[in-house]
Amino acid sequence: MLNTTKRSGRKIATGIDKKAYGRLLAETLPEVIETEAQNRRMNAIADRLQSKRDRSPEEDRLLKLIATLCMNFEEKYYNVQEGVTPAAILADLMSERGLKQADMLPIFGSRSVVSEVMCGKRGITKTQAKALAQFFKLPVELFL
């Protein structure tokens, strides 16, 4: 059973102002994510919310909703199949976004390391995987 209180004549769940939450929902219009563009838009909103120092309870709830929508999309469309290597996933992501190996220099540090990772001679380190996950806004597990 949900605890509720009365505030200004409207019933609310403890800690959540339904009108404020409704305004946030109306502003962001979260929906089931079916395209890369929708995923990027929702990730941008999530990034803004995560970077706020003093999120309201309503913003916390919206962030959880958006994170769930993004994770569902990413699990469905970025499902790692048996035998698919992190380097192959990286190559596909780079191709989708029109990126070149030179664009990966800030993550890998040198052209030779990028080249070795891309051709499978070198694995992706945990630090690099975290940086790639942040860069592509995807789960770190894809790159490990």
N, C-alpha and C. Protein backbone atom coordinates (compact mmCIF):
# COMPACT_ATOMS: atom_id res chain seq x y z
N MET A 1 0.84 -1.18 0.00
CA MET A 1 0.00 0.00 0.00
C MET A 1 0.89 1.24 0.00
N LEU A 2 0.53 2.21 -0.81
CA LEU A 2 1.31 3.42 -0.97
C LEU A 2 0.96 4.43 0.11
N ASN A 3 1.96 4.98 0.78
CA ASN A 3 1.72 6.03 1.76
C ASN A 3 1.42 7.32 1.02
N THR A 4 0.36 7.99 1.43
CA THR A 4 0.02 9.26 0.81
C THR A 4 -0.22 10.31 1.87
N THR A 5 -0.06 11.56 1.47
CA THR A 5 -0.35 12.68 2.35
C THR A 5 -1.15 13.70 1.57
N LYS A 6 -1.75 14.66 2.25
CA LYS A 6 -2.46 15.75 1.59
C LYS A 6 -1.58 16.98 1.62
N ARG A 7 -1.43 17.63 0.47
CA ARG A 7 -0.66 18.85 0.39
C ARG A 7 -1.38 19.76 -0.60
N SER A 8 -1.72 20.93 -0.18
CA SER A 8 -2.40 21.90 -1.03
C SER A 8 -3.64 21.31 -1.69
N GLY A 9 -4.34 20.44 -0.98
CA GLY A 9 -5.60 19.92 -1.50
C GLY A 9 -5.44 18.81 -2.54
N ARG A 10 -4.24 18.36 -2.83
CA ARG A 10 -4.09 17.25 -3.78
C ARG A 10 -3.38 16.10 -3.10
N LYS A 11 -3.76 14.91 -3.47
CA LYS A 11 -3.17 13.72 -2.88
C LYS A 11 -1.88 13.40 -3.62
N ILE A 12 -0.85 13.10 -2.87
CA ILE A 12 0.44 12.78 -3.50
C ILE A 12 1.06 11.58 -2.82
N ALA A 13 1.90 10.85 -3.55
CA ALA A 13 2.69 9.79 -2.94
C ALA A 13 3.77 10.47 -2.12
N THR A 14 4.11 9.90 -0.98
CA THR A 14 5.10 10.51 -0.10
C THR A 14 6.36 10.83 -0.88
N GLY A 15 6.77 12.10 -0.83
CA GLY A 15 7.99 12.53 -1.48
C GLY A 15 7.85 12.90 -2.94
N ILE A 16 6.70 12.66 -3.55
CA ILE A 16 6.51 12.96 -4.97
C ILE A 16 5.32 13.89 -5.14
N ASP A 17 5.57 15.01 -5.79
CA ASP A 17 4.51 15.94 -6.13
C ASP A 17 4.03 15.55 -7.53
N LYS A 18 2.82 15.01 -7.59
CA LYS A 18 2.31 14.49 -8.86
C LYS A 18 2.20 15.57 -9.94
N LYS A 19 1.86 16.78 -9.55
CA LYS A 19 1.77 17.86 -10.55
C LYS A 19 3.16 18.19 -11.11
N ALA A 20 4.15 18.26 -10.23
CA ALA A 20 5.51 18.55 -10.68
C ALA A 20 6.03 17.42 -11.55
N TYR A 21 5.75 16.17 -11.16
CA TYR A 21 6.18 15.02 -11.95
C TYR A 21 5.46 15.02 -13.30
N GLY A 22 4.19 15.37 -13.29
CA GLY A 22 3.42 15.45 -14.54
C GLY A 22 4.00 16.49 -15.49
N ARG A 23 4.44 17.63 -14.93
CA ARG A 23 5.07 18.66 -15.77
C ARG A 23 6.37 18.14 -16.39
N LEU A 24 7.16 17.44 -15.59
CA LEU A 24 8.41 16.86 -16.11
C LEU A 24 8.12 15.86 -17.22
N LEU A 25 7.12 15.02 -17.03
CA LEU A 25 6.75 14.06 -18.06
C LEU A 25 6.29 14.77 -19.33
N ALA A 26 5.51 15.82 -19.17
CA ALA A 26 5.02 16.57 -20.33
C ALA A 26 6.17 17.26 -21.07
N GLU A 27 7.18 17.71 -20.34
CA GLU A 27 8.33 18.37 -20.96
C GLU A 27 9.21 17.37 -21.72
N THR A 28 9.42 16.19 -21.16
CA THR A 28 10.36 15.23 -21.75
C THR A 28 9.69 14.24 -22.70
N LEU A 29 8.41 13.98 -22.50
CA LEU A 29 7.65 13.04 -23.32
C LEU A 29 8.36 11.70 -23.47
N PRO A 30 8.64 11.01 -22.36
CA PRO A 30 9.30 9.71 -22.47
C PRO A 30 8.38 8.71 -23.16
N GLU A 31 8.99 7.82 -23.95
CA GLU A 31 8.23 6.81 -24.67
C GLU A 31 9.11 5.59 -24.88
N VAL A 32 8.50 4.50 -25.30
CA VAL A 32 9.29 3.32 -25.61
C VAL A 32 10.26 3.70 -26.72
N ILE A 33 11.54 3.42 -26.52
CA ILE A 33 12.57 3.82 -27.47
C ILE A 33 12.70 2.76 -28.55
N GLU A 34 12.58 3.22 -29.80
CA GLU A 34 12.66 2.29 -30.93
C GLU A 34 13.70 2.69 -31.96
N THR A 35 14.29 3.87 -31.81
CA THR A 35 15.29 4.33 -32.78
C THR A 35 16.52 4.86 -32.05
N GLU A 36 17.62 4.91 -32.78
CA GLU A 36 18.85 5.45 -32.23
C GLU A 36 18.67 6.92 -31.84
N ALA A 37 17.92 7.67 -32.67
CA ALA A 37 17.68 9.09 -32.38
C ALA A 37 16.92 9.26 -31.06
N GLN A 38 15.90 8.45 -30.85
CA GLN A 38 15.16 8.52 -29.60
C GLN A 38 16.06 8.16 -28.42
N ASN A 39 16.92 7.16 -28.62
CA ASN A 39 17.84 6.75 -27.56
C ASN A 39 18.81 7.88 -27.22
N ARG A 40 19.35 8.54 -28.25
CA ARG A 40 20.26 9.67 -27.99
C ARG A 40 19.53 10.78 -27.24
N ARG A 41 18.30 11.08 -27.63
CA ARG A 41 17.54 12.14 -26.96
C ARG A 41 17.30 11.80 -25.49
N MET A 42 16.90 10.58 -25.22
CA MET A 42 16.64 10.18 -23.84
C MET A 42 17.94 10.14 -23.03
N ASN A 43 19.04 9.69 -23.65
CA ASN A 43 20.33 9.69 -22.95
C ASN A 43 20.77 11.11 -22.63
N ALA A 44 20.50 12.05 -23.52
CA ALA A 44 20.87 13.45 -23.25
C ALA A 44 20.09 13.99 -22.05
N ILE A 45 18.82 13.65 -21.99
CA ILE A 45 18.00 14.09 -20.85
C ILE A 45 18.51 13.43 -19.56
N ALA A 46 18.82 12.14 -19.64
CA ALA A 46 19.35 11.43 -18.47
C ALA A 46 20.67 12.04 -18.02
N ASP A 47 21.53 12.38 -18.97
CA ASP A 47 22.81 13.01 -18.62
C ASP A 47 22.60 14.33 -17.89
N ARG A 48 21.65 15.14 -18.38
CA ARG A 48 21.36 16.42 -17.72
C ARG A 48 20.87 16.19 -16.30
N LEU A 49 19.97 15.23 -16.15
CA LEU A 49 19.44 14.95 -14.82
C LEU A 49 20.53 14.41 -13.88
N GLN A 50 21.37 13.52 -14.39
CA GLN A 50 22.44 12.96 -13.56
C GLN A 50 23.43 14.00 -13.11
N SER A 51 23.65 15.02 -13.93
CA SER A 51 24.65 16.03 -13.58
C SER A 51 24.13 17.07 -12.58
N LYS A 52 22.81 17.08 -12.34
CA LYS A 52 22.25 18.02 -11.37
C LYS A 52 22.67 17.60 -9.96
N ARG A 53 23.06 18.58 -9.18
CA ARG A 53 23.48 18.29 -7.80
C ARG A 53 22.30 17.99 -6.90
N ASP A 54 21.28 18.80 -6.95
CA ASP A 54 20.14 18.65 -6.05
C ASP A 54 18.89 18.29 -6.85
N ARG A 55 18.81 17.00 -7.27
CA ARG A 55 17.63 16.56 -8.01
C ARG A 55 16.45 16.45 -7.05
N SER A 56 15.31 16.83 -7.55
CA SER A 56 14.08 16.66 -6.78
C SER A 56 13.67 15.19 -6.82
N PRO A 57 12.80 14.77 -5.91
CA PRO A 57 12.29 13.39 -5.97
C PRO A 57 11.61 13.10 -7.32
N GLU A 58 10.97 14.11 -7.88
CA GLU A 58 10.31 13.93 -9.17
C GLU A 58 11.34 13.71 -10.29
N GLU A 59 12.45 14.44 -10.22
CA GLU A 59 13.52 14.27 -11.20
C GLU A 59 14.18 12.90 -11.04
N ASP A 60 14.34 12.45 -9.80
CA ASP A 60 14.89 11.12 -9.56
C ASP A 60 13.99 10.05 -10.18
N ARG A 61 12.71 10.19 -10.02
CA ARG A 61 11.76 9.21 -10.57
C ARG A 61 11.82 9.24 -12.10
N LEU A 62 11.89 10.43 -12.69
CA LEU A 62 11.99 10.54 -14.15
C LEU A 62 13.29 9.92 -14.64
N LEU A 63 14.38 10.16 -13.93
CA LEU A 63 15.66 9.58 -14.31
C LEU A 63 15.60 8.05 -14.31
N LYS A 64 14.96 7.47 -13.31
CA LYS A 64 14.81 6.01 -13.25
C LYS A 64 13.99 5.50 -14.44
N LEU A 65 12.94 6.22 -14.78
CA LEU A 65 12.10 5.83 -15.92
C LEU A 65 12.90 5.87 -17.21
N ILE A 66 13.62 6.97 -17.44
CA ILE A 66 14.40 7.12 -18.66
C ILE A 66 15.52 6.07 -18.72
N ALA A 67 16.17 5.82 -17.60
CA ALA A 67 17.23 4.81 -17.57
C ALA A 67 16.68 3.44 -17.95
N THR A 68 15.50 3.12 -17.46
CA THR A 68 14.86 1.84 -17.79
C THR A 68 14.53 1.77 -19.27
N LEU A 69 14.00 2.84 -19.83
CA LEU A 69 13.68 2.87 -21.26
C LEU A 69 14.95 2.69 -22.10
N CYS A 70 16.02 3.38 -21.72
CA CYS A 70 17.28 3.28 -22.47
C CYS A 70 17.87 1.88 -22.35
N MET A 71 17.86 1.32 -21.15
CA MET A 71 18.41 -0.03 -20.97
C MET A 71 17.62 -1.06 -21.78
N ASN A 72 16.31 -0.93 -21.80
CA ASN A 72 15.49 -1.86 -22.58
C ASN A 72 15.84 -1.78 -24.06
N PHE A 73 15.99 -0.57 -24.58
CA PHE A 73 16.36 -0.38 -25.98
C PHE A 73 17.73 -1.00 -26.25
N GLU A 74 18.69 -0.69 -25.39
CA GLU A 74 20.06 -1.13 -25.61
C GLU A 74 20.18 -2.64 -25.49
N GLU A 75 19.44 -3.25 -24.57
CA GLU A 75 19.45 -4.71 -24.47
C GLU A 75 18.87 -5.35 -25.72
N LYS A 76 17.84 -4.75 -26.27
CA LYS A 76 17.18 -5.30 -27.46
C LYS A 76 18.02 -5.12 -28.71
N TYR A 77 18.57 -3.93 -28.91
CA TYR A 77 19.26 -3.61 -30.15
C TYR A 77 20.77 -3.77 -30.10
N TYR A 78 21.32 -3.83 -28.91
CA TYR A 78 22.76 -4.02 -28.78
C TYR A 78 23.06 -5.33 -28.08
N ASN A 79 22.17 -6.28 -28.22
CA ASN A 79 22.34 -7.57 -27.56
C ASN A 79 23.62 -8.23 -28.06
N VAL A 80 24.52 -8.49 -27.14
CA VAL A 80 25.79 -9.09 -27.50
C VAL A 80 25.56 -10.59 -27.74
N GLN A 81 25.88 -11.03 -28.94
CA GLN A 81 25.70 -12.42 -29.30
C GLN A 81 26.99 -13.19 -29.05
N GLU A 82 26.85 -14.49 -28.86
CA GLU A 82 28.02 -15.35 -28.66
C GLU A 82 28.98 -15.16 -29.83
N GLY A 83 30.25 -15.05 -29.54
CA GLY A 83 31.25 -14.97 -30.59
C GLY A 83 31.50 -13.56 -31.11
N VAL A 84 30.68 -12.59 -30.73
CA VAL A 84 30.90 -11.22 -31.17
C VAL A 84 31.89 -10.59 -30.20
N THR A 85 32.99 -10.10 -30.74
CA THR A 85 34.04 -9.55 -29.90
C THR A 85 33.79 -8.07 -29.60
N PRO A 86 34.36 -7.58 -28.51
CA PRO A 86 34.28 -6.15 -28.22
C PRO A 86 34.83 -5.30 -29.37
N ALA A 87 35.90 -5.78 -30.02
CA ALA A 87 36.48 -5.04 -31.15
C ALA A 87 35.48 -4.96 -32.31
N ALA A 88 34.72 -6.03 -32.55
CA ALA A 88 33.72 -6.02 -33.62
C ALA A 88 32.58 -5.06 -33.27
N ILE A 89 32.19 -5.04 -32.01
CA ILE A 89 31.15 -4.12 -31.58
C ILE A 89 31.63 -2.68 -31.76
N LEU A 90 32.87 -2.43 -31.36
CA LEU A 90 33.45 -1.09 -31.53
C LEU A 90 33.48 -0.71 -33.00
N ALA A 91 33.90 -1.63 -33.87
CA ALA A 91 33.97 -1.34 -35.30
C ALA A 91 32.58 -1.00 -35.85
N ASP A 92 31.55 -1.75 -35.43
CA ASP A 92 30.18 -1.47 -35.88
C ASP A 92 29.71 -0.11 -35.41
N LEU A 93 29.98 0.21 -34.15
CA LEU A 93 29.55 1.50 -33.60
C LEU A 93 30.25 2.65 -34.33
N MET A 94 31.52 2.48 -34.59
CA MET A 94 32.27 3.52 -35.30
C MET A 94 31.72 3.70 -36.71
N SER A 95 31.44 2.60 -37.37
CA SER A 95 30.90 2.64 -38.73
C SER A 95 29.54 3.33 -38.75
N GLU A 96 28.67 2.97 -37.81
CA GLU A 96 27.33 3.58 -37.72
C GLU A 96 27.41 5.09 -37.57
N ARG A 97 28.41 5.56 -36.86
CA ARG A 97 28.53 6.99 -36.55
C ARG A 97 29.52 7.72 -37.46
N GLY A 98 30.07 7.02 -38.43
CA GLY A 98 31.01 7.64 -39.35
C GLY A 98 32.33 8.04 -38.70
N LEU A 99 32.74 7.29 -37.69
CA LEU A 99 33.97 7.61 -36.98
C LEU A 99 35.16 6.85 -37.57
N LYS A 100 36.33 7.44 -37.46
CA LYS A 100 37.57 6.83 -37.92
C LYS A 100 38.41 6.45 -36.71
N GLN A 101 39.44 5.63 -36.95
CA GLN A 101 40.31 5.22 -35.85
C GLN A 101 40.91 6.44 -35.15
N ALA A 102 41.19 7.49 -35.90
CA ALA A 102 41.76 8.70 -35.30
C ALA A 102 40.82 9.31 -34.27
N ASP A 103 39.52 9.10 -34.43
CA ASP A 103 38.55 9.62 -33.46
C ASP A 103 38.64 8.91 -32.11
N MET A 104 39.29 7.76 -32.09
CA MET A 104 39.41 6.98 -30.86
C MET A 104 40.71 7.26 -30.11
N LEU A 105 41.55 8.15 -30.65
CA LEU A 105 42.83 8.47 -30.00
C LEU A 105 42.69 8.96 -28.56
N PRO A 106 41.70 9.81 -28.25
CA PRO A 106 41.58 10.25 -26.85
C PRO A 106 41.32 9.09 -25.88
N ILE A 107 40.73 8.01 -26.37
CA ILE A 107 40.42 6.87 -25.51
C ILE A 107 41.61 5.92 -25.41
N PHE A 108 42.26 5.65 -26.56
CA PHE A 108 43.32 4.64 -26.59
C PHE A 108 44.73 5.21 -26.47
N GLY A 109 44.90 6.48 -26.76
CA GLY A 109 46.20 7.12 -26.55
C GLY A 109 47.15 7.15 -27.72
N SER A 110 47.09 6.15 -28.60
CA SER A 110 47.99 6.15 -29.75
C SER A 110 47.35 5.41 -30.92
N ARG A 111 47.83 5.74 -32.11
CA ARG A 111 47.31 5.09 -33.32
C ARG A 111 47.59 3.59 -33.32
N SER A 112 48.75 3.22 -32.83
CA SER A 112 49.11 1.79 -32.84
C SER A 112 48.19 0.99 -31.92
N VAL A 113 47.85 1.53 -30.76
CA VAL A 113 46.94 0.82 -29.85
C VAL A 113 45.56 0.69 -30.47
N VAL A 114 45.06 1.78 -31.06
CA VAL A 114 43.75 1.72 -31.73
C VAL A 114 43.79 0.64 -32.80
N SER A 115 44.81 0.64 -33.61
CA SER A 115 44.93 -0.32 -34.70
C SER A 115 44.98 -1.76 -34.17
N GLU A 116 45.77 -1.99 -33.13
CA GLU A 116 45.88 -3.33 -32.56
C GLU A 116 44.56 -3.81 -31.96
N VAL A 117 43.82 -2.90 -31.31
CA VAL A 117 42.51 -3.26 -30.77
C VAL A 117 41.56 -3.60 -31.90
N MET A 118 41.55 -2.78 -32.94
CA MET A 118 40.61 -2.96 -34.04
C MET A 118 40.86 -4.27 -34.80
N CYS A 119 42.11 -4.69 -34.90
CA CYS A 119 42.39 -5.93 -35.63
C CYS A 119 42.46 -7.15 -34.70
N GLY A 120 42.18 -6.95 -33.42
CA GLY A 120 42.10 -8.07 -32.49
C GLY A 120 43.42 -8.52 -31.90
N LYS A 121 44.49 -7.80 -32.13
CA LYS A 121 45.79 -8.16 -31.58
C LYS A 121 45.90 -7.78 -30.11
N ARG A 122 45.08 -6.85 -29.68
CA ARG A 122 45.12 -6.35 -28.30
C ARG A 122 43.68 -6.25 -27.80
N GLY A 123 43.49 -6.60 -26.55
CA GLY A 123 42.17 -6.48 -25.95
C GLY A 123 41.90 -5.07 -25.45
N ILE A 124 40.65 -4.81 -25.14
CA ILE A 124 40.24 -3.52 -24.57
C ILE A 124 40.37 -3.61 -23.06
N THR A 125 41.11 -2.69 -22.46
CA THR A 125 41.28 -2.68 -21.01
C THR A 125 40.00 -2.20 -20.33
N LYS A 126 39.91 -2.42 -19.03
CA LYS A 126 38.75 -1.95 -18.28
C LYS A 126 38.62 -0.43 -18.35
N THR A 127 39.72 0.26 -18.26
CA THR A 127 39.71 1.72 -18.33
C THR A 127 39.22 2.19 -19.70
N GLN A 128 39.72 1.55 -20.74
CA GLN A 128 39.27 1.89 -22.10
C GLN A 128 37.80 1.56 -22.29
N ALA A 129 37.37 0.41 -21.74
CA ALA A 129 35.96 0.01 -21.84
C ALA A 129 35.05 1.04 -21.19
N LYS A 130 35.46 1.53 -20.02
CA LYS A 130 34.67 2.57 -19.34
C LYS A 130 34.60 3.84 -20.17
N ALA A 131 35.71 4.23 -20.76
CA ALA A 131 35.75 5.43 -21.59
C ALA A 131 34.89 5.25 -22.85
N LEU A 132 34.95 4.06 -23.45
CA LEU A 132 34.13 3.78 -24.63
C LEU A 132 32.64 3.79 -24.27
N ALA A 133 32.31 3.22 -23.13
CA ALA A 133 30.91 3.20 -22.68
C ALA A 133 30.40 4.62 -22.49
N GLN A 134 31.22 5.47 -21.91
CA GLN A 134 30.83 6.87 -21.71
C GLN A 134 30.73 7.59 -23.05
N PHE A 135 31.68 7.35 -23.94
CA PHE A 135 31.70 8.00 -25.25
C PHE A 135 30.47 7.64 -26.07
N PHE A 136 30.13 6.34 -26.10
CA PHE A 136 28.99 5.88 -26.91
C PHE A 136 27.68 5.84 -26.13
N LYS A 137 27.75 6.12 -24.83
CA LYS A 137 26.59 6.10 -23.95
C LYS A 137 25.90 4.73 -24.00
N LEU A 138 26.72 3.71 -23.80
CA LEU A 138 26.26 2.32 -23.81
C LEU A 138 26.83 1.59 -22.60
N PRO A 139 26.28 0.42 -22.29
CA PRO A 139 26.79 -0.33 -21.14
C PRO A 139 28.26 -0.75 -21.33
N VAL A 140 29.03 -0.66 -20.28
CA VAL A 140 30.45 -0.99 -20.31
C VAL A 140 30.68 -2.45 -20.70
N GLU A 141 29.72 -3.31 -20.38
CA GLU A 141 29.87 -4.74 -20.65
C GLU A 141 30.05 -5.04 -22.14
N LEU A 142 29.58 -4.17 -23.00
CA LEU A 142 29.74 -4.37 -24.44
C LEU A 142 31.20 -4.40 -24.86
N PHE A 143 32.04 -3.72 -24.11
CA PHE A 143 33.43 -3.55 -24.50
C PHE A 143 34.40 -4.43 -23.70
N LEU A 144 33.87 -5.27 -22.84
CA LEU A 144 34.73 -6.15 -22.03
C LEU A 144 34.73 -7.57 -22.57
